[in-house]
């Protein structure tokens, strides 16, 4: 077998801009972009041309003027968002991936790409031998001088950070000392709940109430016999607790207070 037969021949790839695939790609771009602009209410004439980097450049010539925030010849968030949406719709699995760039009134200028390899090579390049020798021969500053240098350059850095004050303990106000207007409906409900707690020997609690409402409840239950009503807890967990003087166990037939005798309206 000859050497020419051993070397496989590579078929050159067809250019992205030529052939039926390119025509089909342009037709899909024109259809999707036309539908989106039509739904936006800003139809435009599309001028397509192949860019040097292999992408498809599209200039949008709006028929009735550009949308708000869009100026011909300048980039805008509206055009960038439209470009992002169009490429997301075009780049589906199994479909040729080709970037589409949009411009308002003109074709967009090609963006400059960074070359990370050249930047890394420049950063990793060794320093000249003369600079290394000068750095090694330079006298090192004394420890005290090195410590004082930053302090002179930045006097604020020499100051030690002030100690944070200790958090002040939160003290909840006494509800009985708060002056509030009487709420007839809340007063009636609180007294009936207190009478039920003392009569049945059950514990109840009212949570998620404002300071004023807790004060109204405590003042409403004054004088109800057989029960002690207090405010317990701190912050959001503070609640009004009804403690009967003679607690009674729950009935054996039910572990939850949902029987007839616990019906609040009874």
C-alpha atoms as a PDB file:
ATOM      1  CA  UNK A   1       0.000   0.000   0.000  1.00  0.00           C
ATOM      2  CA  UNK A   2       1.451   3.339  -0.997  1.00  0.00           C
ATOM      3  CA  UNK A   3       1.898   6.312   1.317  1.00  0.00           C
ATOM      4  CA  UNK A   4      -0.782   8.241  -0.525  1.00  0.00           C
ATOM      5  CA  UNK A   5      -3.336   5.546   0.232  1.00  0.00           C
ATOM      6  CA  UNK A   6      -2.400   5.460   3.939  1.00  0.00           C
ATOM      7  CA  UNK A   7      -3.151   9.149   4.466  1.00  0.00           C
ATOM      8  CA  UNK A   8      -6.961   9.718   4.652  1.00  0.00           C
ATOM      9  CA  UNK A   9      -8.199  12.551   2.531  1.00  0.00           C
ATOM     10  CA  UNK A  10     -10.230  15.202   4.421  1.00  0.00           C
ATOM     11  CA  UNK A  11     -13.216  16.699   2.689  1.00  0.00           C
ATOM     12  CA  UNK A  12     -13.262  20.482   3.134  1.00  0.00           C
ATOM     13  CA  UNK A  13     -16.269  21.755   5.117  1.00  0.00           C
ATOM     14  CA  UNK A  14     -18.826  23.660   3.145  1.00  0.00           C
ATOM     15  CA  UNK A  15     -18.946  27.371   3.990  1.00  0.00           C
ATOM     16  CA  UNK A  16     -21.710  28.379   6.365  1.00  0.00           C
ATOM     17  CA  UNK A  17     -22.912  31.101   4.018  1.00  0.00           C
ATOM     18  CA  UNK A  18     -23.340  28.921   0.940  1.00  0.00           C
ATOM     19  CA  UNK A  19     -25.675  26.214  -0.196  1.00  0.00           C
ATOM     20  CA  UNK A  20     -29.217  25.271   0.685  1.00  0.00           C
ATOM     21  CA  UNK A  21     -28.430  25.214   4.437  1.00  0.00           C
ATOM     22  CA  UNK A  22     -27.564  28.920   4.412  1.00  0.00           C
ATOM     23  CA  UNK A  23     -30.702  29.788   2.489  1.00  0.00           C
ATOM     24  CA  UNK A  24     -32.838  27.782   4.892  1.00  0.00           C
ATOM     25  CA  UNK A  25     -31.119  29.430   7.863  1.00  0.00           C
ATOM     26  CA  UNK A  26     -31.812  32.911   6.467  1.00  0.00           C
ATOM     27  CA  UNK A  27     -35.430  31.997   5.845  1.00  0.00           C
ATOM     28  CA  UNK A  28     -35.866  30.874   9.451  1.00  0.00           C
ATOM     29  CA  UNK A  29     -34.233  34.061  10.734  1.00  0.00           C
ATOM     30  CA  UNK A  30     -36.471  36.202   8.532  1.00  0.00           C
ATOM     31  CA  UNK A  31     -39.604  34.318   9.646  1.00  0.00           C
ATOM     32  CA  UNK A  32     -38.879  34.388  13.397  1.00  0.00           C
ATOM     33  CA  UNK A  33     -37.579  37.937  13.447  1.00  0.00           C
ATOM     34  CA  UNK A  34     -40.490  39.195  11.360  1.00  0.00           C
ATOM     35  CA  UNK A  35     -43.008  37.529  13.680  1.00  0.00           C
ATOM     36  CA  UNK A  36     -41.367  38.961  16.816  1.00  0.00           C
ATOM     37  CA  UNK A  37     -41.183  42.492  15.427  1.00  0.00           C
ATOM     38  CA  UNK A  38     -44.772  42.217  14.239  1.00  0.00           C
ATOM     39  CA  UNK A  39     -45.956  41.202  17.719  1.00  0.00           C
ATOM     40  CA  UNK A  40     -43.980  44.110  19.152  1.00  0.00           C
ATOM     41  CA  UNK A  41     -45.786  46.482  16.794  1.00  0.00           C
ATOM     42  CA  UNK A  42     -42.593  47.656  15.069  1.00  0.00           C
ATOM     43  CA  UNK A  43     -42.289  45.889  11.694  1.00  0.00           C
ATOM     44  CA  UNK A  44     -38.990  46.345   9.916  1.00  0.00           C
ATOM     45  CA  UNK A  45     -37.246  45.563   6.647  1.00  0.00           C
ATOM     46  CA  UNK A  46     -34.421  43.068   7.164  1.00  0.00           C
ATOM     47  CA  UNK A  47     -31.095  43.538   5.376  1.00  0.00           C
ATOM     48  CA  UNK A  48     -28.965  40.394   5.808  1.00  0.00           C
ATOM     49  CA  UNK A  49     -25.332  39.859   4.943  1.00  0.00           C
ATOM     50  CA  UNK A  50     -22.605  37.408   5.937  1.00  0.00           C
ATOM     51  CA  UNK A  51     -20.107  38.723   8.478  1.00  0.00           C
ATOM     52  CA  UNK A  52     -16.365  38.073   8.391  1.00  0.00           C
ATOM     53  CA  UNK A  53     -16.488  35.861  11.495  1.00  0.00           C
ATOM     54  CA  UNK A  54     -19.099  33.534   9.972  1.00  0.00           C
ATOM     55  CA  UNK A  55     -22.118  35.057  11.689  1.00  0.00           C
ATOM     56  CA  UNK A  56     -25.185  36.485   9.997  1.00  0.00           C
ATOM     57  CA  UNK A  57     -25.502  40.263  10.287  1.00  0.00           C
ATOM     58  CA  UNK A  58     -28.997  41.736  10.115  1.00  0.00           C
ATOM     59  CA  UNK A  59     -29.763  45.461   9.833  1.00  0.00           C
ATOM     60  CA  UNK A  60     -33.227  46.407  11.082  1.00  0.00           C
ATOM     61  CA  UNK A  61     -34.831  49.227   9.083  1.00  0.00           C
ATOM     62  CA  UNK A  62     -37.993  50.018  11.038  1.00  0.00           C
ATOM     63  CA  UNK A  63     -40.877  51.082   8.833  1.00  0.00           C
ATOM     64  CA  UNK A  64     -42.634  53.400  11.309  1.00  0.00           C
ATOM     65  CA  UNK A  65     -39.633  54.458  13.394  1.00  0.00           C
ATOM     66  CA  UNK A  66     -37.605  52.499  15.956  1.00  0.00           C
ATOM     67  CA  UNK A  67     -39.077  51.384  19.296  1.00  0.00           C
ATOM     68  CA  UNK A  68     -38.582  53.545  22.412  1.00  0.00           C
ATOM     69  CA  UNK A  69     -34.986  53.460  23.594  1.00  0.00           C
ATOM     70  CA  UNK A  70     -33.605  52.431  20.190  1.00  0.00           C
ATOM     71  CA  UNK A  71     -31.483  54.764  18.017  1.00  0.00           C
ATOM     72  CA  UNK A  72     -30.207  53.962  14.568  1.00  0.00           C
ATOM     73  CA  UNK A  73     -26.525  53.163  14.538  1.00  0.00           C
ATOM     74  CA  UNK A  74     -26.233  52.649  18.311  1.00  0.00           C
ATOM     75  CA  UNK A  75     -26.505  49.618  20.572  1.00  0.00           C
ATOM     76  CA  UNK A  76     -29.436  49.394  22.952  1.00  0.00           C
ATOM     77  CA  UNK A  77     -30.869  46.987  25.503  1.00  0.00           C
ATOM     78  CA  UNK A  78     -33.923  46.403  23.313  1.00  0.00           C
ATOM     79  CA  UNK A  79     -31.875  45.228  20.329  1.00  0.00           C
ATOM     80  CA  UNK A  80     -29.534  43.184  22.537  1.00  0.00           C
ATOM     81  CA  UNK A  81     -32.507  41.448  24.168  1.00  0.00           C
ATOM     82  CA  UNK A  82     -34.056  40.778  20.779  1.00  0.00           C
ATOM     83  CA  UNK A  83     -30.764  39.330  19.567  1.00  0.00           C
ATOM     84  CA  UNK A  84     -30.484  37.087  22.637  1.00  0.00           C
ATOM     85  CA  UNK A  85     -34.048  35.795  22.197  1.00  0.00           C
ATOM     86  CA  UNK A  86     -33.569  35.145  18.478  1.00  0.00           C
ATOM     87  CA  UNK A  87     -30.377  33.123  18.987  1.00  0.00           C
ATOM     88  CA  UNK A  88     -32.012  31.090  21.751  1.00  0.00           C
ATOM     89  CA  UNK A  89     -34.827  30.176  19.374  1.00  0.00           C
ATOM     90  CA  UNK A  90     -32.479  29.424  16.477  1.00  0.00           C
ATOM     91  CA  UNK A  91     -29.920  27.298  18.344  1.00  0.00           C
ATOM     92  CA  UNK A  92     -31.892  24.131  18.933  1.00  0.00           C
ATOM     93  CA  UNK A  93     -30.478  20.594  19.251  1.00  0.00           C
ATOM     94  CA  UNK A  94     -29.681  19.068  15.901  1.00  0.00           C
ATOM     95  CA  UNK A  95     -29.706  22.422  14.097  1.00  0.00           C
ATOM     96  CA  UNK A  96     -26.680  24.200  12.658  1.00  0.00           C
ATOM     97  CA  UNK A  97     -25.416  26.689  15.221  1.00  0.00           C
ATOM     98  CA  UNK A  98     -24.724  30.032  13.630  1.00  0.00           C
ATOM     99  CA  UNK A  99     -24.741  33.327  15.498  1.00  0.00           C
ATOM    100  CA  UNK A 100     -27.047  36.141  14.442  1.00  0.00           C
ATOM    101  CA  UNK A 101     -26.154  39.756  15.233  1.00  0.00           C
ATOM    102  CA  UNK A 102     -28.614  42.636  14.970  1.00  0.00           C
ATOM    103  CA  UNK A 103     -28.208  46.344  14.398  1.00  0.00           C
ATOM    104  CA  UNK A 104     -30.684  49.224  14.294  1.00  0.00           C
ATOM    105  CA  UNK A 105     -30.567  50.920  10.894  1.00  0.00           C
ATOM    106  CA  UNK A 106     -27.060  49.650  10.117  1.00  0.00           C
ATOM    107  CA  UNK A 107     -25.099  46.435  10.320  1.00  0.00           C
ATOM    108  CA  UNK A 108     -23.425  46.083  13.721  1.00  0.00           C
ATOM    109  CA  UNK A 109     -19.672  46.416  13.959  1.00  0.00           C
ATOM    110  CA  UNK A 110     -17.830  43.180  14.737  1.00  0.00           C
ATOM    111  CA  UNK A 111     -16.874  42.911  18.373  1.00  0.00           C
ATOM    112  CA  UNK A 112     -13.236  42.538  19.317  1.00  0.00           C
ATOM    113  CA  UNK A 113     -12.495  39.230  20.956  1.00  0.00           C
ATOM    114  CA  UNK A 114      -9.964  38.899  23.717  1.00  0.00           C
ATOM    115  CA  UNK A 115      -7.040  36.536  23.312  1.00  0.00           C
ATOM    116  CA  UNK A 116      -6.553  34.900  26.713  1.00  0.00           C
ATOM    117  CA  UNK A 117      -3.612  32.794  25.528  1.00  0.00           C
ATOM    118  CA  UNK A 118      -1.526  35.848  24.593  1.00  0.00           C
ATOM    119  CA  UNK A 119      -2.408  37.563  27.878  1.00  0.00           C
ATOM    120  CA  UNK A 120      -1.460  34.476  29.909  1.00  0.00           C
ATOM    121  CA  UNK A 121       1.806  34.071  28.013  1.00  0.00           C
ATOM    122  CA  UNK A 122       2.707  37.692  28.698  1.00  0.00           C
ATOM    123  CA  UNK A 123       1.857  37.316  32.410  1.00  0.00           C
ATOM    124  CA  UNK A 124       3.852  34.077  32.696  1.00  0.00           C
ATOM    125  CA  UNK A 125       6.932  35.509  30.933  1.00  0.00           C
ATOM    126  CA  UNK A 126      10.002  35.450  33.232  1.00  0.00           C
ATOM    127  CA  UNK A 127      11.370  38.727  34.502  1.00  0.00           C
ATOM    128  CA  UNK A 128      14.705  39.969  33.135  1.00  0.00           C
ATOM    129  CA  UNK A 129      17.771  38.683  34.912  1.00  0.00           C
ATOM    130  CA  UNK A 130      18.934  42.219  35.742  1.00  0.00           C
ATOM    131  CA  UNK A 131      15.695  43.040  37.554  1.00  0.00           C
ATOM    132  CA  UNK A 132      15.923  39.824  39.606  1.00  0.00           C
ATOM    133  CA  UNK A 133      19.501  40.616  40.581  1.00  0.00           C
ATOM    134  CA  UNK A 134      18.600  44.167  41.650  1.00  0.00           C
ATOM    135  CA  UNK A 135      15.688  42.906  43.740  1.00  0.00           C
ATOM    136  CA  UNK A 136      17.937  40.356  45.473  1.00  0.00           C
ATOM    137  CA  UNK A 137      20.662  42.905  46.147  1.00  0.00           C
ATOM    138  CA  UNK A 138      18.321  45.554  47.563  1.00  0.00           C
ATOM    139  CA  UNK A 139      18.578  45.820  51.368  1.00  0.00           C
ATOM    140  CA  UNK A 140      15.546  44.620  53.265  1.00  0.00           C
ATOM    141  CA  UNK A 141      13.941  47.127  55.648  1.00  0.00           C
ATOM    142  CA  UNK A 142      14.132  46.511  59.340  1.00  0.00           C
ATOM    143  CA  UNK A 143      11.040  44.912  60.947  1.00  0.00           C
ATOM    144  CA  UNK A 144      10.161  48.073  62.883  1.00  0.00           C
ATOM    145  CA  UNK A 145      10.521  50.305  59.818  1.00  0.00           C
ATOM    146  CA  UNK A 146       8.428  47.922  57.731  1.00  0.00           C
ATOM    147  CA  UNK A 147       5.713  47.974  60.359  1.00  0.00           C
ATOM    148  CA  UNK A 148       5.729  51.781  60.617  1.00  0.00           C
ATOM    149  CA  UNK A 149       5.653  52.412  56.850  1.00  0.00           C
ATOM    150  CA  UNK A 150       1.996  51.415  56.285  1.00  0.00           C
ATOM    151  CA  UNK A 151       0.964  53.433  59.325  1.00  0.00           C
ATOM    152  CA  UNK A 152       2.558  56.602  57.924  1.00  0.00           C
ATOM    153  CA  UNK A 153       1.077  56.050  54.496  1.00  0.00           C
ATOM    154  CA  UNK A 154      -2.405  55.455  55.877  1.00  0.00           C
ATOM    155  CA  UNK A 155      -2.966  56.797  59.399  1.00  0.00           C
ATOM    156  CA  UNK A 156      -6.442  55.253  59.559  1.00  0.00           C
ATOM    157  CA  UNK A 157      -4.988  51.772  59.134  1.00  0.00           C
ATOM    158  CA  UNK A 158      -2.899  52.219  62.294  1.00  0.00           C
ATOM    159  CA  UNK A 159      -5.932  52.818  64.419  1.00  0.00           C
ATOM    160  CA  UNK A 160      -7.305  49.693  66.018  1.00  0.00           C
ATOM    161  CA  UNK A 161     -10.950  48.980  65.139  1.00  0.00           C
ATOM    162  CA  UNK A 162     -13.297  50.112  67.845  1.00  0.00           C
ATOM    163  CA  UNK A 163     -14.995  47.339  69.747  1.00  0.00           C
ATOM    164  CA  UNK A 164     -18.607  46.818  68.779  1.00  0.00           C
ATOM    165  CA  UNK A 165     -21.045  47.682  71.543  1.00  0.00           C
ATOM    166  CA  UNK A 166     -22.824  44.796  73.133  1.00  0.00           C
ATOM    167  CA  UNK A 167     -26.340  44.245  71.761  1.00  0.00           C
ATOM    168  CA  UNK A 168     -29.006  45.807  73.892  1.00  0.00           C
ATOM    169  CA  UNK A 169     -31.433  43.291  75.259  1.00  0.00           C
ATOM    170  CA  UNK A 170     -34.929  43.839  73.981  1.00  0.00           C
ATOM    171  CA  UNK A 171     -37.460  44.563  76.673  1.00  0.00           C
ATOM    172  CA  UNK A 172     -41.087  44.111  75.677  1.00  0.00           C
ATOM    173  CA  UNK A 173     -43.453  46.732  76.993  1.00  0.00           C
ATOM    174  CA  UNK A 174     -45.993  45.818  79.661  1.00  0.00           C
ATOM    175  CA  UNK A 175     -49.333  45.497  77.904  1.00  0.00           C
ATOM    176  CA  UNK A 176     -51.264  46.457  81.038  1.00  0.00           C
ATOM    177  CA  UNK A 177     -49.584  49.875  81.068  1.00  0.00           C
ATOM    178  CA  UNK A 178     -50.524  50.685  77.460  1.00  0.00           C
ATOM    179  CA  UNK A 179     -53.453  53.038  76.971  1.00  0.00           C
ATOM    180  CA  UNK A 180     -55.704  51.852  74.143  1.00  0.00           C
ATOM    181  CA  UNK A 181     -59.280  52.362  73.015  1.00  0.00           C
ATOM    182  CA  UNK A 182     -61.729  49.599  73.800  1.00  0.00           C
ATOM    183  CA  UNK A 183     -62.825  47.220  71.044  1.00  0.00           C
ATOM    184  CA  UNK A 184     -66.270  45.859  71.863  1.00  0.00           C
ATOM    185  CA  UNK A 185     -66.022  42.789  69.625  1.00  0.00           C
ATOM    186  CA  UNK A 186     -62.545  41.868  70.851  1.00  0.00           C
ATOM    187  CA  UNK A 187     -63.587  42.436  74.478  1.00  0.00           C
ATOM    188  CA  UNK A 188     -66.593  40.098  74.141  1.00  0.00           C
ATOM    189  CA  UNK A 189     -64.546  37.371  72.440  1.00  0.00           C
ATOM    190  CA  UNK A 190     -61.720  37.586  75.003  1.00  0.00           C
ATOM    191  CA  UNK A 191     -64.098  37.358  77.988  1.00  0.00           C
ATOM    192  CA  UNK A 192     -65.928  34.367  76.507  1.00  0.00           C
ATOM    193  CA  UNK A 193     -62.608  32.604  75.889  1.00  0.00           C
ATOM    194  CA  UNK A 194     -61.492  33.340  79.462  1.00  0.00           C
ATOM    195  CA  UNK A 195     -64.773  32.001  80.904  1.00  0.00           C
ATOM    196  CA  UNK A 196     -64.430  28.878  78.760  1.00  0.00           C
ATOM    197  CA  UNK A 197     -60.845  28.332  79.903  1.00  0.00           C
ATOM    198  CA  UNK A 198     -61.833  28.627  83.565  1.00  0.00           C
ATOM    199  CA  UNK A 199     -64.998  26.554  83.218  1.00  0.00           C
ATOM    200  CA  UNK A 200     -63.520  23.665  81.212  1.00  0.00           C
ATOM    201  CA  UNK A 201     -60.034  23.768  82.704  1.00  0.00           C
ATOM    202  CA  UNK A 202     -58.386  24.151  79.313  1.00  0.00           C
ATOM    203  CA  UNK A 203     -55.288  26.128  78.290  1.00  0.00           C
ATOM    204  CA  UNK A 204     -55.572  28.591  75.436  1.00  0.00           C
ATOM    205  CA  UNK A 205     -53.214  31.091  73.791  1.00  0.00           C
ATOM    206  CA  UNK A 206     -53.636  33.973  71.361  1.00  0.00           C
ATOM    207  CA  UNK A 207     -50.598  34.522  69.112  1.00  0.00           C
ATOM    208  CA  UNK A 208     -49.639  36.873  66.252  1.00  0.00           C
ATOM    209  CA  UNK A 209     -51.254  39.887  67.894  1.00  0.00           C
ATOM    210  CA  UNK A 210     -50.091  43.467  68.043  1.00  0.00           C
ATOM    211  CA  UNK A 211     -49.142  45.143  71.303  1.00  0.00           C
ATOM    212  CA  UNK A 212     -52.365  47.152  71.353  1.00  0.00           C
ATOM    213  CA  UNK A 213     -54.546  44.063  70.807  1.00  0.00           C
ATOM    214  CA  UNK A 214     -52.779  42.167  73.585  1.00  0.00           C
ATOM    215  CA  UNK A 215     -53.393  45.130  75.866  1.00  0.00           C
ATOM    216  CA  UNK A 216     -57.111  45.123  74.950  1.00  0.00           C
ATOM    217  CA  UNK A 217     -57.381  41.389  75.706  1.00  0.00           C
ATOM    218  CA  UNK A 218     -55.674  41.689  79.104  1.00  0.00           C
ATOM    219  CA  UNK A 219     -57.925  44.557  80.119  1.00  0.00           C
ATOM    220  CA  UNK A 220     -61.045  42.797  78.822  1.00  0.00           C
ATOM    221  CA  UNK A 221     -60.545  39.663  80.961  1.00  0.00           C
ATOM    222  CA  UNK A 222     -60.078  41.514  84.235  1.00  0.00           C
ATOM    223  CA  UNK A 223     -62.485  40.155  86.823  1.00  0.00           C
ATOM    224  CA  UNK A 224     -63.127  36.771  85.133  1.00  0.00           C
ATOM    225  CA  UNK A 225     -62.937  34.077  87.842  1.00  0.00           C
ATOM    226  CA  UNK A 226     -61.151  30.734  87.535  1.00  0.00           C
ATOM    227  CA  UNK A 227     -58.512  31.755  85.025  1.00  0.00           C
ATOM    228  CA  UNK A 228     -55.240  33.687  84.936  1.00  0.00           C
ATOM    229  CA  UNK A 229     -54.398  35.588  81.754  1.00  0.00           C
ATOM    230  CA  UNK A 230     -50.844  36.786  81.113  1.00  0.00           C
ATOM    231  CA  UNK A 231     -48.596  37.865  78.230  1.00  0.00           C
ATOM    232  CA  UNK A 232     -45.592  35.598  77.673  1.00  0.00           C
ATOM    233  CA  UNK A 233     -42.725  35.354  75.192  1.00  0.00           C
ATOM    234  CA  UNK A 234     -40.593  37.922  73.381  1.00  0.00           C
ATOM    235  CA  UNK A 235     -40.814  39.692  70.052  1.00  0.00           C
ATOM    236  CA  UNK A 236     -42.894  37.892  67.450  1.00  0.00           C
ATOM    237  CA  UNK A 237     -43.374  34.915  69.766  1.00  0.00           C
ATOM    238  CA  UNK A 238     -45.123  36.981  72.420  1.00  0.00           C
ATOM    239  CA  UNK A 239     -48.666  35.725  73.059  1.00  0.00           C
ATOM    240  CA  UNK A 240     -51.568  35.946  75.503  1.00  0.00           C
ATOM    241  CA  UNK A 241     -51.926  32.757  77.587  1.00  0.00           C
ATOM    242  CA  UNK A 242     -55.098  31.630  79.399  1.00  0.00           C
ATOM    243  CA  UNK A 243     -54.195  29.412  82.396  1.00  0.00           C
ATOM    244  CA  UNK A 244     -57.112  27.831  84.318  1.00  0.00           C
ATOM    245  CA  UNK A 245     -56.892  27.573  88.088  1.00  0.00           C
ATOM    246  CA  UNK A 246     -58.187  23.977  87.939  1.00  0.00           C
ATOM    247  CA  UNK A 247     -56.822  22.300  84.795  1.00  0.00           C
ATOM    248  CA  UNK A 248     -58.826  19.334  83.506  1.00  0.00           C
ATOM    249  CA  UNK A 249     -57.450  16.440  81.385  1.00  0.00           C
ATOM    250  CA  UNK A 250     -58.631  15.907  77.837  1.00  0.00           C
ATOM    251  CA  UNK A 251     -61.345  13.259  77.336  1.00  0.00           C
ATOM    252  CA  UNK A 252     -60.036   9.808  76.466  1.00  0.00           C
ATOM    253  CA  UNK A 253     -62.130   9.565  73.329  1.00  0.00           C
ATOM    254  CA  UNK A 254     -60.318  12.483  71.741  1.00  0.00           C
ATOM    255  CA  UNK A 255     -56.809  13.887  71.930  1.00  0.00           C
ATOM    256  CA  UNK A 256     -57.821  17.150  70.287  1.00  0.00           C
ATOM    257  CA  UNK A 257     -60.179  19.774  71.704  1.00  0.00           C
ATOM    258  CA  UNK A 258     -62.677  19.386  68.861  1.00  0.00           C
ATOM    259  CA  UNK A 259     -65.655  17.836  70.687  1.00  0.00           C
ATOM    260  CA  UNK A 260     -68.965  19.531  71.371  1.00  0.00           C
ATOM    261  CA  UNK A 261     -67.958  21.010  74.684  1.00  0.00           C
ATOM    262  CA  UNK A 262     -65.056  22.784  72.994  1.00  0.00           C
ATOM    263  CA  UNK A 263     -67.287  24.461  70.426  1.00  0.00           C
ATOM    264  CA  UNK A 264     -66.662  28.144  70.965  1.00  0.00           C
ATOM    265  CA  UNK A 265     -70.126  29.136  69.734  1.00  0.00           C
ATOM    266  CA  UNK A 266     -71.945  26.639  71.987  1.00  0.00           C
END
